[in-house]
Amino acid sequence: MIETPRGRAQDRKRVAGGQDQEVRYEAKKEAVTKDAVKKSVKKVGNSRTKVEADLETKL
């Protein structure tokens, strides 16, 4: 795992639904709304793979 400047581990396999920049990034990447990403995180959990798969089924 990558460490942040503060020395904390950063897990890129997760989508932090409460972090606006992560939601915005995922929304832009998948060409959906931020609200759709937040709903998907709430529905399937914060695994990036599961969120992306759920968003692809909605397209």
Protein backbone atom coordinates (compact mmCIF):
# COMPACT_ATOMS: atom_id res chain seq x y z
CA MET A 1 0.00 0.00 0.00
CA ILE A 2 1.01 3.56 -0.61
CA GLU A 3 1.61 5.90 2.30
CA THR A 4 0.23 9.41 2.42
CA PRO A 5 2.42 12.35 3.44
CA ARG A 6 1.09 11.87 6.97
CA GLY A 7 2.43 8.32 7.03
CA ARG A 8 -0.93 6.61 6.79
CA ALA A 9 -1.64 3.71 4.47
CA GLN A 10 -3.75 4.54 1.44
CA ASP A 11 -5.91 1.82 -0.07
CA ARG A 12 -6.76 2.44 -3.72
CA LYS A 13 -9.00 -0.62 -3.81
CA ARG A 14 -11.68 1.23 -1.86
CA VAL A 15 -13.96 4.16 -2.64
CA ALA A 16 -14.47 6.46 0.33
CA GLY A 17 -18.08 7.56 -0.15
CA GLY A 18 -17.64 10.42 2.30
CA GLN A 19 -14.63 11.88 0.48
CA ASP A 20 -15.83 14.32 -2.17
CA GLN A 21 -12.67 14.06 -4.26
CA GLU A 22 -12.92 10.26 -4.47
CA VAL A 23 -16.61 10.36 -5.37
CA ARG A 24 -15.94 13.05 -7.98
CA TYR A 25 -13.04 11.05 -9.48
CA GLU A 26 -15.10 7.86 -9.72
CA ALA A 27 -18.07 9.74 -11.19
CA LYS A 28 -15.90 11.31 -13.87
CA LYS A 29 -14.16 8.02 -14.61
CA GLU A 30 -17.44 6.14 -15.03
CA ALA A 31 -19.32 9.07 -16.66
CA VAL A 32 -22.08 9.08 -14.03
CA THR A 33 -23.28 11.52 -11.39
CA LYS A 34 -21.75 11.84 -7.93
CA ASP A 35 -25.11 10.81 -6.50
CA ALA A 36 -25.01 7.57 -8.50
CA VAL A 37 -21.57 6.76 -7.07
CA LYS A 38 -22.72 7.44 -3.51
CA LYS A 39 -25.80 5.23 -3.98
CA SER A 40 -23.64 2.48 -5.43
CA VAL A 41 -21.21 2.63 -2.49
CA LYS A 42 -24.15 2.42 -0.11
CA LYS A 43 -25.62 -0.52 -2.06
CA VAL A 44 -22.57 -2.73 -2.72
CA GLY A 45 -19.99 -1.47 -0.23
CA ASN A 46 -16.78 0.47 -0.75
CA SER A 47 -14.89 -2.03 -2.90
CA ARG A 48 -13.84 -0.15 -6.05
CA THR A 49 -14.33 -3.28 -8.20
CA LYS A 50 -17.89 -3.83 -6.97
CA VAL A 51 -18.79 -0.14 -7.29
CA GLU A 52 -17.49 0.00 -10.87
CA ALA A 53 -19.35 -3.21 -11.77
CA ASP A 54 -22.58 -1.86 -10.28
CA LEU A 55 -22.23 1.42 -12.15
CA GLU A 56 -21.60 -0.39 -15.44
CA THR A 57 -24.84 -2.33 -15.09
CA LYS A 58 -26.72 0.97 -14.79
CA LEU A 59 -25.35 2.27 -18.11
